[in-house]
Amino acid sequence: MKYHLRVYDNLHHMDESEAYDHGKYETYEEAEIAARGIVNEFLHFNWRKGMTSEELIEYYYLHGEDPVILPEKRAAEKGFSARDYVNQVAGIICNNLENQL
């Protein structure tokens, strides 16, 4: 089964005119890696010195890109949640970037 990665803008959530296609993937795992990469790139780019993970998460909720993994055929499968992922990694990213300075 193929998976399609569609990316929405949290500022215009679910507004199709603001969304873009990121590609098709052979496996769910490949699509999830790409989705995580989109979120990671946003978090790294928008982090500022002294920013807490809570501030970074809030900024993501308002302005971040929200990748959605869509199966080519409807299936009952696990789903990727960018919001859940941000909550898992924001603290790690903030700590890592703060320690690089």
Protein backbone atom coordinates (compact mmCIF):
# COMPACT_ATOMS: atom_id res chain seq x y z
CA MET A 1 0.00 0.00 0.00
CA LYS A 2 1.28 3.47 -0.80
CA TYR A 3 1.05 6.47 1.50
CA HIS A 4 0.58 10.09 0.55
CA LEU A 5 2.04 12.86 2.73
CA ARG A 6 -0.01 16.06 2.77
CA VAL A 7 1.24 19.05 4.77
CA TYR A 8 -1.06 21.66 6.28
CA ASP A 9 -0.15 24.99 7.83
CA ASN A 10 -1.35 25.25 11.46
CA LEU A 11 -2.06 28.93 10.89
CA HIS A 12 -4.56 27.88 8.18
CA HIS A 13 -5.35 24.40 9.48
CA MET A 14 -7.24 22.18 7.03
CA ASP A 15 -7.38 24.98 4.45
CA GLU A 16 -6.63 23.03 1.29
CA SER A 17 -5.43 26.15 -0.52
CA GLU A 18 -2.59 26.47 2.02
CA ALA A 19 -1.65 22.76 1.99
CA TYR A 20 0.90 21.06 -0.23
CA ASP A 21 1.82 17.53 -1.25
CA HIS A 22 5.13 16.26 0.06
CA GLY A 23 5.16 12.98 -1.86
CA LYS A 24 4.17 9.34 -1.92
CA TYR A 25 5.89 6.59 0.01
CA GLU A 26 5.87 2.84 -0.30
CA THR A 27 5.56 2.20 3.43
CA TYR A 28 3.99 3.93 6.40
CA GLU A 29 7.39 4.02 8.08
CA GLU A 30 8.94 5.97 5.19
CA ALA A 31 6.08 8.48 5.29
CA GLU A 32 6.45 8.84 9.05
CA ILE A 33 10.18 9.51 8.75
CA ALA A 34 9.43 12.27 6.23
CA ALA A 35 6.68 13.70 8.47
CA ARG A 36 8.98 13.75 11.50
CA GLY A 37 11.64 15.45 9.37
CA ILE A 38 9.23 18.25 8.45
CA VAL A 39 8.38 18.81 12.11
CA ASN A 40 12.03 18.61 13.22
CA GLU A 41 13.09 21.13 10.58
CA PHE A 42 10.43 23.59 11.73
CA LEU A 43 11.40 23.20 15.40
CA HIS A 44 15.12 23.63 14.71
CA PHE A 45 14.58 26.66 12.47
CA ASN A 46 12.23 28.45 14.88
CA TRP A 47 14.03 27.76 18.16
CA ARG A 48 15.68 30.79 19.76
CA LYS A 49 18.25 30.93 22.57
CA GLY A 50 16.54 30.69 25.94
CA MET A 51 13.25 29.43 24.44
CA THR A 52 11.55 26.82 26.59
CA SER A 53 10.03 23.67 25.13
CA GLU A 54 6.59 24.99 26.10
CA GLU A 55 7.19 28.18 24.10
CA LEU A 56 8.44 26.20 21.12
CA ILE A 57 5.43 23.87 21.27
CA GLU A 58 3.05 26.83 21.47
CA TYR A 59 4.75 28.45 18.48
CA TYR A 60 4.46 25.19 16.54
CA TYR A 61 0.74 24.92 17.38
CA LEU A 62 0.20 28.41 15.95
CA HIS A 63 2.57 28.42 12.96
CA GLY A 64 4.01 24.97 12.33
CA GLU A 65 3.52 22.62 9.44
CA ASP A 66 1.19 19.71 10.20
CA PRO A 67 2.02 16.66 8.08
CA VAL A 68 -0.76 14.12 7.61
CA ILE A 69 -0.15 10.59 6.33
CA LEU A 70 -2.94 9.37 4.09
CA PRO A 71 -3.11 5.77 2.86
CA GLU A 72 -3.85 5.36 -0.83
CA LYS A 73 -6.62 2.97 0.15
CA ARG A 74 -8.63 3.46 3.33
CA ALA A 75 -7.34 1.21 6.04
CA ALA A 76 -7.54 0.99 9.81
CA GLU A 77 -3.94 1.77 10.67
CA LYS A 78 -2.02 3.70 13.23
CA GLY A 79 -1.91 7.41 12.60
CA PHE A 80 0.91 9.92 12.89
CA SER A 81 0.13 12.93 15.05
CA ALA A 82 2.48 15.85 14.55
CA ARG A 83 1.19 17.40 17.79
CA ASP A 84 2.00 14.28 19.81
CA TYR A 85 5.42 14.10 18.17
CA VAL A 86 6.15 17.79 18.94
CA ASN A 87 5.30 17.18 22.58
CA GLN A 88 7.78 14.29 22.64
CA VAL A 89 10.72 16.03 20.97
CA ALA A 90 10.50 19.77 21.73
CA GLY A 91 12.31 19.47 25.06
CA ILE A 92 15.08 17.35 23.54
CA ILE A 93 15.56 19.77 20.66
CA CYS A 94 15.62 22.82 22.98
CA ASN A 95 18.21 21.15 25.23
CA ASN A 96 20.37 20.02 22.32
CA LEU A 97 20.36 23.44 20.64
CA GLU A 98 20.95 25.30 23.90
CA ASN A 99 23.96 23.07 24.65
CA GLN A 100 25.45 23.69 21.19
CA LEU A 101 25.94 27.39 21.95
